[in-house]
Amino acid sequence: MGLALRLLLGFIGTLTLAIGGVGLANIMLVSVTERTREIGVLMSIGATRRAILAQFLLEAVAIVTVGGALGVAAGWAVSAFPGHAAAARPLFKDSSGAGDVHLGISAFAVLTSTAMLEAVGLIAGLLPAIKAARLDPIESLRYE
């Protein structure tokens, strides 16, 4: 695959991760707001700030892990589809088969994208987790 195509796909992947991180952060902030009373109850019965922080970070990582697994499964399914190269043959106008497009997923790509996805999940979940951990238990119990 050419360098330009790799750079384009890398840019698209980076943009997708960034947009997904913003979306995850928004979802987690809404989750903190909706669960303010629950957080207050947990803190009033002895949960530490660190436990609340860990709970929300674990939730963010779980969300991105499930999303990543579904994405890898979908990518594998698309690349394993037998007719995927037939659609590209007219572009190459080559009847020898040398210009066929063969899609594949490398283990390196899966591991790299998983590591980056988990990092984005941690970073995106950090602000909502910190916000949840800093809530005042008394004010949280009064929250409607």
N, C-alpha and C. Protein backbone atom coordinates (compact mmCIF):
# COMPACT_ATOMS: atom_id res chain seq x y z
N MET A 1 0.86 -1.17 0.00
CA MET A 1 0.00 0.00 0.00
C MET A 1 0.90 1.23 0.00
N GLY A 2 0.53 2.24 -0.73
CA GLY A 2 1.34 3.43 -0.86
C GLY A 2 1.37 4.27 0.41
N LEU A 3 2.42 5.06 0.53
CA LEU A 3 2.60 5.91 1.71
C LEU A 3 1.47 6.92 1.84
N ALA A 4 1.04 7.49 0.73
CA ALA A 4 -0.04 8.49 0.77
C ALA A 4 -1.33 7.87 1.29
N LEU A 5 -1.63 6.67 0.85
CA LEU A 5 -2.85 6.01 1.32
C LEU A 5 -2.75 5.67 2.81
N ARG A 6 -1.58 5.24 3.25
CA ARG A 6 -1.39 4.95 4.68
C ARG A 6 -1.55 6.21 5.52
N LEU A 7 -0.99 7.32 5.04
CA LEU A 7 -1.13 8.58 5.77
C LEU A 7 -2.58 9.03 5.82
N LEU A 8 -3.29 8.89 4.71
CA LEU A 8 -4.71 9.26 4.67
C LEU A 8 -5.51 8.41 5.64
N LEU A 9 -5.30 7.11 5.62
CA LEU A 9 -6.04 6.23 6.53
C LEU A 9 -5.66 6.49 7.98
N GLY A 10 -4.38 6.81 8.23
CA GLY A 10 -3.96 7.16 9.58
C GLY A 10 -4.62 8.44 10.07
N PHE A 11 -4.73 9.43 9.18
CA PHE A 11 -5.39 10.69 9.53
C PHE A 11 -6.87 10.45 9.82
N ILE A 12 -7.52 9.66 8.98
CA ILE A 12 -8.94 9.36 9.19
C ILE A 12 -9.13 8.62 10.51
N GLY A 13 -8.25 7.67 10.80
CA GLY A 13 -8.34 6.93 12.06
C GLY A 13 -8.14 7.83 13.26
N THR A 14 -7.16 8.74 13.18
CA THR A 14 -6.91 9.67 14.28
C THR A 14 -8.09 10.59 14.50
N LEU A 15 -8.66 11.09 13.42
CA LEU A 15 -9.83 11.95 13.52
C LEU A 15 -11.01 11.20 14.14
N THR A 16 -11.20 9.97 13.73
CA THR A 16 -12.28 9.15 14.28
C THR A 16 -12.10 8.91 15.76
N LEU A 17 -10.87 8.62 16.19
CA LEU A 17 -10.60 8.42 17.61
C LEU A 17 -10.86 9.70 18.41
N ALA A 18 -10.46 10.84 17.87
CA ALA A 18 -10.68 12.10 18.57
C ALA A 18 -12.17 12.40 18.72
N ILE A 19 -12.92 12.21 17.65
CA ILE A 19 -14.36 12.45 17.71
C ILE A 19 -15.03 11.46 18.67
N GLY A 20 -14.59 10.22 18.62
CA GLY A 20 -15.12 9.22 19.55
C GLY A 20 -14.80 9.56 20.99
N GLY A 21 -13.60 10.11 21.23
CA GLY A 21 -13.22 10.51 22.59
C GLY A 21 -14.09 11.64 23.11
N VAL A 22 -14.39 12.61 22.26
CA VAL A 22 -15.28 13.71 22.66
C VAL A 22 -16.68 13.16 22.96
N GLY A 23 -17.16 12.26 22.12
CA GLY A 23 -18.47 11.65 22.35
C GLY A 23 -18.51 10.86 23.65
N LEU A 24 -17.46 10.10 23.92
CA LEU A 24 -17.40 9.33 25.17
C LEU A 24 -17.37 10.25 26.38
N ALA A 25 -16.60 11.33 26.30
CA ALA A 25 -16.54 12.29 27.41
C ALA A 25 -17.91 12.90 27.68
N ASN A 26 -18.65 13.23 26.62
CA ASN A 26 -20.00 13.78 26.80
C ASN A 26 -20.94 12.76 27.43
N ILE A 27 -20.86 11.52 26.98
CA ILE A 27 -21.71 10.48 27.55
C ILE A 27 -21.39 10.28 29.02
N MET A 28 -20.10 10.28 29.35
CA MET A 28 -19.71 10.08 30.74
C MET A 28 -20.10 11.27 31.62
N LEU A 29 -20.03 12.49 31.08
CA LEU A 29 -20.46 13.67 31.85
C LEU A 29 -21.96 13.61 32.13
N VAL A 30 -22.74 13.17 31.16
CA VAL A 30 -24.18 13.00 31.37
C VAL A 30 -24.42 11.91 32.41
N SER A 31 -23.64 10.86 32.36
CA SER A 31 -23.76 9.76 33.33
C SER A 31 -23.49 10.27 34.74
N VAL A 32 -22.46 11.11 34.90
CA VAL A 32 -22.15 11.66 36.22
C VAL A 32 -23.30 12.52 36.71
N THR A 33 -23.86 13.35 35.82
CA THR A 33 -24.97 14.22 36.21
C THR A 33 -26.19 13.40 36.62
N GLU A 34 -26.51 12.37 35.85
CA GLU A 34 -27.68 11.55 36.16
C GLU A 34 -27.49 10.71 37.41
N ARG A 35 -26.26 10.39 37.73
CA ARG A 35 -26.00 9.51 38.88
C ARG A 35 -25.45 10.26 40.09
N THR A 36 -25.73 11.55 40.16
CA THR A 36 -25.21 12.36 41.25
C THR A 36 -25.70 11.86 42.61
N ARG A 37 -26.97 11.53 42.71
CA ARG A 37 -27.49 11.02 43.99
C ARG A 37 -26.83 9.68 44.35
N GLU A 38 -26.66 8.82 43.36
CA GLU A 38 -26.00 7.53 43.60
C GLU A 38 -24.58 7.73 44.11
N ILE A 39 -23.88 8.68 43.54
CA ILE A 39 -22.51 8.97 43.97
C ILE A 39 -22.52 9.49 45.41
N GLY A 40 -23.50 10.34 45.72
CA GLY A 40 -23.64 10.85 47.09
C GLY A 40 -23.90 9.72 48.08
N VAL A 41 -24.75 8.77 47.72
CA VAL A 41 -25.03 7.63 48.60
C VAL A 41 -23.77 6.79 48.79
N LEU A 42 -23.06 6.53 47.71
CA LEU A 42 -21.83 5.74 47.80
C LEU A 42 -20.81 6.42 48.71
N MET A 43 -20.67 7.73 48.56
CA MET A 43 -19.70 8.45 49.39
C MET A 43 -20.16 8.50 50.85
N SER A 44 -21.46 8.59 51.08
CA SER A 44 -21.96 8.67 52.45
C SER A 44 -21.81 7.34 53.19
N ILE A 45 -21.75 6.23 52.46
CA ILE A 45 -21.56 4.95 53.15
C ILE A 45 -20.10 4.51 53.15
N GLY A 46 -19.20 5.40 52.71
CA GLY A 46 -17.79 5.13 52.89
C GLY A 46 -16.95 4.97 51.64
N ALA A 47 -17.51 5.16 50.47
CA ALA A 47 -16.70 5.05 49.25
C ALA A 47 -15.72 6.21 49.19
N THR A 48 -14.49 5.91 48.84
CA THR A 48 -13.47 6.95 48.75
C THR A 48 -13.53 7.63 47.38
N ARG A 49 -12.87 8.78 47.30
CA ARG A 49 -12.79 9.48 46.01
C ARG A 49 -12.09 8.60 44.98
N ARG A 50 -11.09 7.88 45.44
CA ARG A 50 -10.35 6.99 44.53
C ARG A 50 -11.26 5.88 43.99
N ALA A 51 -12.17 5.36 44.82
CA ALA A 51 -13.08 4.31 44.38
C ALA A 51 -14.07 4.85 43.34
N ILE A 52 -14.56 6.06 43.56
CA ILE A 52 -15.48 6.68 42.60
C ILE A 52 -14.75 6.94 41.29
N LEU A 53 -13.53 7.47 41.38
CA LEU A 53 -12.72 7.72 40.19
C LEU A 53 -12.48 6.43 39.42
N ALA A 54 -12.12 5.37 40.12
CA ALA A 54 -11.87 4.08 39.47
C ALA A 54 -13.13 3.52 38.82
N GLN A 55 -14.28 3.70 39.46
CA GLN A 55 -15.54 3.21 38.91
C GLN A 55 -15.84 3.85 37.56
N PHE A 56 -15.68 5.16 37.48
CA PHE A 56 -16.01 5.85 36.22
C PHE A 56 -14.94 5.61 35.15
N LEU A 57 -13.68 5.51 35.55
CA LEU A 57 -12.65 5.18 34.56
C LEU A 57 -12.85 3.77 34.02
N LEU A 58 -13.20 2.84 34.89
CA LEU A 58 -13.45 1.47 34.45
C LEU A 58 -14.65 1.41 33.50
N GLU A 59 -15.65 2.21 33.80
CA GLU A 59 -16.83 2.26 32.91
C GLU A 59 -16.44 2.80 31.52
N ALA A 60 -15.63 3.84 31.48
CA ALA A 60 -15.19 4.41 30.20
C ALA A 60 -14.36 3.40 29.42
N VAL A 61 -13.45 2.71 30.09
CA VAL A 61 -12.61 1.72 29.42
C VAL A 61 -13.46 0.54 28.94
N ALA A 62 -14.46 0.16 29.71
CA ALA A 62 -15.34 -0.94 29.28
C ALA A 62 -16.12 -0.56 28.02
N ILE A 63 -16.56 0.67 27.95
CA ILE A 63 -17.31 1.12 26.77
C ILE A 63 -16.43 1.07 25.53
N VAL A 64 -15.20 1.59 25.62
CA VAL A 64 -14.33 1.59 24.44
C VAL A 64 -13.84 0.19 24.10
N THR A 65 -13.70 -0.68 25.09
CA THR A 65 -13.27 -2.05 24.81
C THR A 65 -14.34 -2.80 24.02
N VAL A 66 -15.58 -2.66 24.43
CA VAL A 66 -16.67 -3.33 23.71
C VAL A 66 -16.80 -2.74 22.31
N GLY A 67 -16.72 -1.41 22.20
CA GLY A 67 -16.78 -0.78 20.88
C GLY A 67 -15.64 -1.20 19.98
N GLY A 68 -14.43 -1.30 20.53
CA GLY A 68 -13.28 -1.75 19.76
C GLY A 68 -13.41 -3.18 19.30
N ALA A 69 -13.90 -4.05 20.19
CA ALA A 69 -14.09 -5.46 19.82
C ALA A 69 -15.12 -5.58 18.70
N LEU A 70 -16.20 -4.82 18.78
CA LEU A 70 -17.20 -4.84 17.71
C LEU A 70 -16.61 -4.31 16.40
N GLY A 71 -15.77 -3.28 16.49
CA GLY A 71 -15.14 -2.73 15.30
C GLY A 71 -14.18 -3.70 14.64
N VAL A 72 -13.39 -4.41 15.45
CA VAL A 72 -12.47 -5.41 14.89
C VAL A 72 -13.25 -6.55 14.26
N ALA A 73 -14.32 -6.97 14.91
CA ALA A 73 -15.15 -8.05 14.36
C ALA A 73 -15.79 -7.62 13.04
N ALA A 74 -16.27 -6.39 12.97
CA ALA A 74 -16.87 -5.89 11.73
C ALA A 74 -15.81 -5.77 10.63
N GLY A 75 -14.63 -5.29 10.97
CA GLY A 75 -13.55 -5.19 9.99
C GLY A 75 -13.12 -6.55 9.48
N TRP A 76 -13.03 -7.50 10.37
CA TRP A 76 -12.67 -8.86 9.97
C TRP A 76 -13.75 -9.45 9.05
N ALA A 77 -15.02 -9.21 9.39
CA ALA A 77 -16.11 -9.74 8.56
C ALA A 77 -16.09 -9.13 7.16
N VAL A 78 -15.84 -7.84 7.07
CA VAL A 78 -15.80 -7.18 5.77
C VAL A 78 -14.61 -7.67 4.95
N SER A 79 -13.46 -7.82 5.60
CA SER A 79 -12.27 -8.26 4.86
C SER A 79 -12.34 -9.73 4.46
N ALA A 80 -13.12 -10.50 5.18
CA ALA A 80 -13.25 -11.93 4.86
C ALA A 80 -14.32 -12.19 3.81
N PHE A 81 -15.11 -11.18 3.47
CA PHE A 81 -16.17 -11.34 2.48
C PHE A 81 -15.54 -11.68 1.13
N PRO A 82 -15.94 -12.77 0.51
CA PRO A 82 -15.24 -13.25 -0.69
C PRO A 82 -15.31 -12.34 -1.90
N GLY A 83 -16.32 -11.53 -2.05
CA GLY A 83 -16.46 -10.73 -3.27
C GLY A 83 -15.91 -9.33 -3.16
N HIS A 84 -15.13 -9.03 -2.11
CA HIS A 84 -14.69 -7.65 -1.92
C HIS A 84 -13.73 -7.18 -3.02
N ALA A 85 -12.93 -8.04 -3.58
CA ALA A 85 -11.96 -7.61 -4.59
C ALA A 85 -12.61 -7.49 -5.97
N ALA A 86 -13.71 -8.17 -6.19
CA ALA A 86 -14.34 -8.15 -7.52
C ALA A 86 -14.82 -6.74 -7.89
N ALA A 87 -15.23 -5.95 -6.91
CA ALA A 87 -15.72 -4.61 -7.20
C ALA A 87 -14.59 -3.68 -7.64
N ALA A 88 -13.36 -3.97 -7.24
CA ALA A 88 -12.24 -3.09 -7.57
C ALA A 88 -11.55 -3.47 -8.88
N ARG A 89 -11.83 -4.63 -9.43
CA ARG A 89 -11.15 -5.07 -10.66
C ARG A 89 -11.31 -4.10 -11.82
N PRO A 90 -12.52 -3.54 -12.08
CA PRO A 90 -12.64 -2.62 -13.21
C PRO A 90 -11.76 -1.38 -13.07
N LEU A 91 -11.40 -1.02 -11.85
CA LEU A 91 -10.55 0.15 -11.65
C LEU A 91 -9.14 -0.09 -12.19
N PHE A 92 -8.69 -1.32 -12.12
CA PHE A 92 -7.33 -1.63 -12.53
C PHE A 92 -7.22 -2.09 -13.98
N LYS A 93 -8.32 -2.51 -14.58
CA LYS A 93 -8.37 -2.98 -15.96
C LYS A 93 -7.26 -4.00 -16.23
N ASP A 94 -7.19 -4.94 -15.34
CA ASP A 94 -6.14 -5.96 -15.44
C ASP A 94 -6.81 -7.32 -15.32
N SER A 95 -6.71 -8.13 -16.35
CA SER A 95 -7.35 -9.45 -16.31
C SER A 95 -6.40 -10.52 -15.77
N SER A 96 -5.16 -10.16 -15.49
CA SER A 96 -4.20 -11.16 -15.00
C SER A 96 -4.39 -11.47 -13.53
N GLY A 97 -5.12 -10.64 -12.82
CA GLY A 97 -5.31 -10.85 -11.38
C GLY A 97 -4.24 -10.17 -10.55
N ALA A 98 -3.25 -9.56 -11.18
CA ALA A 98 -2.17 -8.92 -10.44
C ALA A 98 -2.64 -7.65 -9.74
N GLY A 99 -3.68 -7.05 -10.23
CA GLY A 99 -4.17 -5.80 -9.64
C GLY A 99 -5.28 -5.99 -8.65
N ASP A 100 -5.56 -7.23 -8.27
CA ASP A 100 -6.64 -7.48 -7.32
C ASP A 100 -6.33 -6.84 -5.97
N VAL A 101 -7.38 -6.43 -5.31
CA VAL A 101 -7.25 -5.85 -3.97
C VAL A 101 -7.52 -6.96 -2.97
N HIS A 102 -6.55 -7.18 -2.08
CA HIS A 102 -6.71 -8.20 -1.03
C HIS A 102 -6.69 -7.51 0.32
N LEU A 103 -7.82 -7.54 0.97
CA LEU A 103 -7.93 -6.91 2.27
C LEU A 103 -7.51 -7.89 3.35
N GLY A 104 -6.87 -7.39 4.38
CA GLY A 104 -6.47 -8.23 5.50
C GLY A 104 -6.26 -7.38 6.73
N ILE A 105 -6.37 -8.00 7.87
CA ILE A 105 -6.17 -7.30 9.13
C ILE A 105 -4.94 -7.92 9.80
N SER A 106 -3.94 -7.09 10.06
CA SER A 106 -2.73 -7.59 10.71
C SER A 106 -2.89 -7.51 12.22
N ALA A 107 -2.18 -8.39 12.90
CA ALA A 107 -2.21 -8.38 14.36
C ALA A 107 -1.62 -7.08 14.90
N PHE A 108 -0.60 -6.55 14.23
CA PHE A 108 0.00 -5.29 14.65
C PHE A 108 -1.02 -4.16 14.61
N ALA A 109 -1.83 -4.11 13.54
CA ALA A 109 -2.85 -3.06 13.42
C ALA A 109 -3.89 -3.18 14.52
N VAL A 110 -4.30 -4.40 14.83
CA VAL A 110 -5.30 -4.61 15.88
C VAL A 110 -4.72 -4.20 17.24
N LEU A 111 -3.50 -4.61 17.53
CA LEU A 111 -2.88 -4.27 18.82
C LEU A 111 -2.64 -2.77 18.96
N THR A 112 -2.16 -2.14 17.89
CA THR A 112 -1.91 -0.71 17.94
C THR A 112 -3.20 0.07 18.10
N SER A 113 -4.21 -0.28 17.33
CA SER A 113 -5.47 0.44 17.43
C SER A 113 -6.15 0.19 18.78
N THR A 114 -6.00 -0.99 19.33
CA THR A 114 -6.57 -1.28 20.65
C THR A 114 -5.88 -0.45 21.72
N ALA A 115 -4.55 -0.38 21.66
CA ALA A 115 -3.82 0.42 22.65
C ALA A 115 -4.20 1.90 22.55
N MET A 116 -4.32 2.40 21.34
CA MET A 116 -4.70 3.81 21.17
C MET A 116 -6.14 4.05 21.62
N LEU A 117 -7.01 3.10 21.34
CA LEU A 117 -8.41 3.22 21.75
C LEU A 117 -8.52 3.24 23.27
N GLU A 118 -7.79 2.38 23.94
CA GLU A 118 -7.82 2.34 25.40
C GLU A 118 -7.27 3.64 25.98
N ALA A 119 -6.22 4.18 25.37
CA ALA A 119 -5.66 5.46 25.83
C ALA A 119 -6.67 6.59 25.67
N VAL A 120 -7.34 6.62 24.52
CA VAL A 120 -8.38 7.63 24.29
C VAL A 120 -9.51 7.46 25.30
N GLY A 121 -9.89 6.22 25.59
CA GLY A 121 -10.94 5.97 26.58
C GLY A 121 -10.56 6.46 27.96
N LEU A 122 -9.31 6.23 28.36
CA LEU A 122 -8.84 6.72 29.66
C LEU A 122 -8.82 8.24 29.72
N ILE A 123 -8.31 8.85 28.66
CA ILE A 123 -8.22 10.31 28.64
C ILE A 123 -9.62 10.94 28.62
N ALA A 124 -10.51 10.39 27.80
CA ALA A 124 -11.87 10.93 27.70
C ALA A 124 -12.67 10.69 28.98
N GLY A 125 -12.39 9.61 29.68
CA GLY A 125 -13.12 9.31 30.91
C GLY A 125 -12.55 9.98 32.13
N LEU A 126 -11.37 10.59 32.00
CA LEU A 126 -10.69 11.18 33.15
C LEU A 126 -11.44 12.40 33.71
N LEU A 127 -11.83 13.32 32.85
CA LEU A 127 -12.52 14.53 33.32
C LEU A 127 -13.84 14.19 34.02
N PRO A 128 -14.72 13.37 33.43
CA PRO A 128 -15.95 13.01 34.15
C PRO A 128 -15.67 12.24 35.45
N ALA A 129 -14.65 11.39 35.46
CA ALA A 129 -14.33 10.64 36.68
C ALA A 129 -13.85 11.58 37.77
N ILE A 130 -13.03 12.55 37.41
CA ILE A 130 -12.56 13.53 38.40
C ILE A 130 -13.73 14.36 38.92
N LYS A 131 -14.63 14.74 38.02
CA LYS A 131 -15.81 15.51 38.43
C LYS A 131 -16.66 14.69 39.41
N ALA A 132 -16.83 13.42 39.13
CA ALA A 132 -17.63 12.56 40.02
C ALA A 132 -16.94 12.39 41.37
N ALA A 133 -15.63 12.23 41.36
CA ALA A 133 -14.90 12.01 42.61
C ALA A 133 -14.88 13.26 43.49
N ARG A 134 -15.00 14.44 42.89
CA ARG A 134 -14.94 15.69 43.66
C ARG A 134 -16.31 16.16 44.15
N LEU A 135 -17.36 15.42 43.85
CA LEU A 135 -18.69 15.84 44.30
C LEU A 135 -18.75 15.80 45.83
N ASP A 136 -19.46 16.79 46.37
CA ASP A 136 -19.67 16.83 47.81
C ASP A 136 -20.82 15.88 48.15
N PRO A 137 -20.61 14.93 49.08
CA PRO A 137 -21.66 13.95 49.38
C PRO A 137 -22.98 14.58 49.84
N ILE A 138 -22.91 15.63 50.64
CA ILE A 138 -24.13 16.25 51.15
C ILE A 138 -24.90 16.93 50.03
N GLU A 139 -24.19 17.68 49.19
CA GLU A 139 -24.85 18.33 48.05
C GLU A 139 -25.37 17.30 47.05
N SER A 140 -24.66 16.19 46.90
CA SER A 140 -25.09 15.14 45.97
C SER A 140 -26.38 14.49 46.41
N LEU A 141 -26.53 14.31 47.73
CA LEU A 141 -27.77 13.72 48.26
C LEU A 141 -28.95 14.66 48.10
N ARG A 142 -28.72 15.96 48.11
CA ARG A 142 -29.79 16.95 47.92
C ARG A 142 -30.16 17.13 46.46
N TYR A 143 -29.32 16.67 45.56
CA TYR A 143 -29.50 16.92 44.12
C TYR A 143 -30.76 16.23 43.63
N GLU A 144 -31.53 16.93 42.83
CA GLU A 144 -32.77 16.35 42.28
C GLU A 144 -32.50 15.91 40.89
